[in-house]
Amino acid sequence: MDTMLYSMTSIQSLEAYCETQYNFSLQPLKDFNTSMLIWLPLPQSDEFNYLLTCINRYTRWTEAIPLSDMSAETRAKSLIANWISRFGVPSILATDPGRQFQSLLFSSL
């Protein structure tokens, strides 16, 4: 019984301490810019020959996404599944001027 009372008072005082001491509000993110680059044919690993790299230009967080081909559909699906689904939609998506990024499907993203 004493242990139960002690643990209940400990939990209540811990909850009160957490509520009063740590009241943080969400901070707005700076512009979320992303740079993308495709590394052309690499040695084959499983069925993947290409590497799509995405870099958050504010935090410099980098992700490398393996691709099996360079079609616009594959690149768009990989970008959505591996980058946008985890980090959100960037305000600016900078790419190199290569023709693989100039398709209608990719520019509609």
Protein backbone atom coordinates (compact mmCIF):
# COMPACT_ATOMS: atom_id res chain seq x y z
CA MET A 1 0.00 0.00 0.00
CA ASP A 2 2.79 2.43 0.88
CA THR A 3 4.54 1.65 -2.38
CA MET A 4 1.36 2.32 -4.34
CA LEU A 5 0.83 5.70 -2.63
CA TYR A 6 4.46 6.63 -3.17
CA SER A 7 4.38 5.73 -6.86
CA MET A 8 1.09 7.61 -7.40
CA THR A 9 2.43 10.77 -5.78
CA SER A 10 5.66 10.43 -7.74
CA ILE A 11 3.81 10.14 -11.03
CA GLN A 12 1.53 13.09 -10.19
CA SER A 13 4.42 15.31 -9.21
CA LEU A 14 6.35 14.25 -12.31
CA GLU A 15 3.39 15.11 -14.54
CA ALA A 16 3.01 18.50 -12.85
CA TYR A 17 6.74 19.17 -13.22
CA CYS A 18 6.73 18.27 -16.92
CA GLU A 19 3.71 20.43 -17.66
CA THR A 20 5.08 23.51 -15.95
CA GLN A 21 8.74 23.26 -16.88
CA TYR A 22 8.66 22.20 -20.53
CA ASN A 23 6.11 24.03 -22.59
CA PHE A 24 7.71 24.39 -26.02
CA SER A 25 5.86 25.71 -29.02
CA LEU A 26 6.56 24.55 -32.55
CA GLN A 27 9.04 26.67 -34.43
CA PRO A 28 8.54 27.43 -38.12
CA LEU A 29 10.89 25.69 -40.49
CA LYS A 30 13.13 27.78 -42.65
CA ASP A 31 12.68 27.43 -46.40
CA PHE A 32 12.82 23.74 -47.12
CA ASN A 33 14.98 23.56 -50.24
CA THR A 34 16.06 20.26 -51.75
CA SER A 35 18.76 19.60 -54.31
CA MET A 36 18.66 16.44 -56.43
CA LEU A 37 21.29 14.75 -58.55
CA ILE A 38 21.45 11.42 -60.40
CA TRP A 39 24.68 9.48 -60.48
CA LEU A 40 24.90 7.83 -63.88
CA PRO A 41 25.54 4.14 -64.39
CA LEU A 42 27.20 2.62 -61.38
CA PRO A 43 28.26 -1.01 -61.01
CA GLN A 44 25.08 -3.06 -60.72
CA SER A 45 23.95 -4.04 -57.23
CA ASP A 46 20.93 -6.35 -57.25
CA GLU A 47 18.79 -4.67 -59.93
CA PHE A 48 19.93 -1.11 -59.20
CA ASN A 49 22.25 0.80 -61.55
CA TYR A 50 21.59 4.45 -60.66
CA LEU A 51 21.64 6.54 -57.52
CA LEU A 52 19.36 9.50 -56.84
CA THR A 53 20.75 11.79 -54.15
CA CYS A 54 18.57 14.31 -52.31
CA ILE A 55 20.06 16.99 -50.07
CA ASN A 56 18.21 19.31 -47.70
CA ARG A 57 20.04 22.56 -48.33
CA TYR A 58 19.25 23.97 -44.87
CA THR A 59 20.29 21.04 -42.66
CA ARG A 60 22.55 19.37 -45.27
CA TRP A 61 20.86 16.03 -44.58
CA THR A 62 21.60 13.70 -47.50
CA GLU A 63 19.75 10.61 -48.69
CA ALA A 64 20.86 8.24 -51.44
CA ILE A 65 18.04 6.38 -53.20
CA PRO A 66 18.92 3.46 -55.50
CA LEU A 67 17.10 3.35 -58.85
CA SER A 68 16.72 0.50 -61.31
CA ASP A 69 16.22 2.81 -64.31
CA MET A 70 16.10 6.52 -65.10
CA SER A 71 12.49 6.77 -66.25
CA ALA A 72 10.52 9.78 -65.03
CA GLU A 73 7.98 7.52 -63.33
CA THR A 74 10.65 5.66 -61.35
CA ARG A 75 12.29 8.90 -60.23
CA ALA A 76 8.98 10.50 -59.23
CA LYS A 77 7.84 7.43 -57.27
CA SER A 78 11.20 7.14 -55.52
CA LEU A 79 11.21 10.82 -54.60
CA ILE A 80 7.69 10.63 -53.16
CA ALA A 81 8.23 7.33 -51.32
CA ASN A 82 11.68 8.08 -49.89
CA TRP A 83 11.90 11.85 -49.45
CA ILE A 84 8.55 13.65 -49.57
CA SER A 85 6.75 11.05 -47.44
CA ARG A 86 9.33 11.50 -44.67
CA PHE A 87 10.31 15.16 -44.84
CA GLY A 88 7.40 16.89 -46.59
CA VAL A 89 7.14 18.81 -49.82
CA PRO A 90 10.08 21.16 -50.39
CA SER A 91 9.38 24.78 -51.28
CA ILE A 92 12.14 24.65 -53.91
CA LEU A 93 13.35 21.54 -55.74
CA ALA A 94 16.67 22.31 -57.43
CA THR A 95 18.05 19.85 -59.98
CA ASP A 96 20.84 19.81 -62.48
CA PRO A 97 19.86 20.89 -66.02
CA GLY A 98 19.94 17.30 -67.29
CA ARG A 99 17.09 16.16 -69.52
CA GLN A 100 16.12 13.42 -67.03
CA PHE A 101 14.59 16.16 -64.84
CA GLN A 102 12.80 18.00 -67.66
CA SER A 103 9.96 15.55 -68.34
CA LEU A 104 6.33 16.64 -67.94
CA LEU A 105 5.72 14.12 -65.16
CA PHE A 106 8.66 15.30 -63.11
CA SER A 107 8.05 19.00 -63.66
CA SER A 108 4.42 18.55 -62.54
CA LEU A 109 5.64 17.55 -59.07
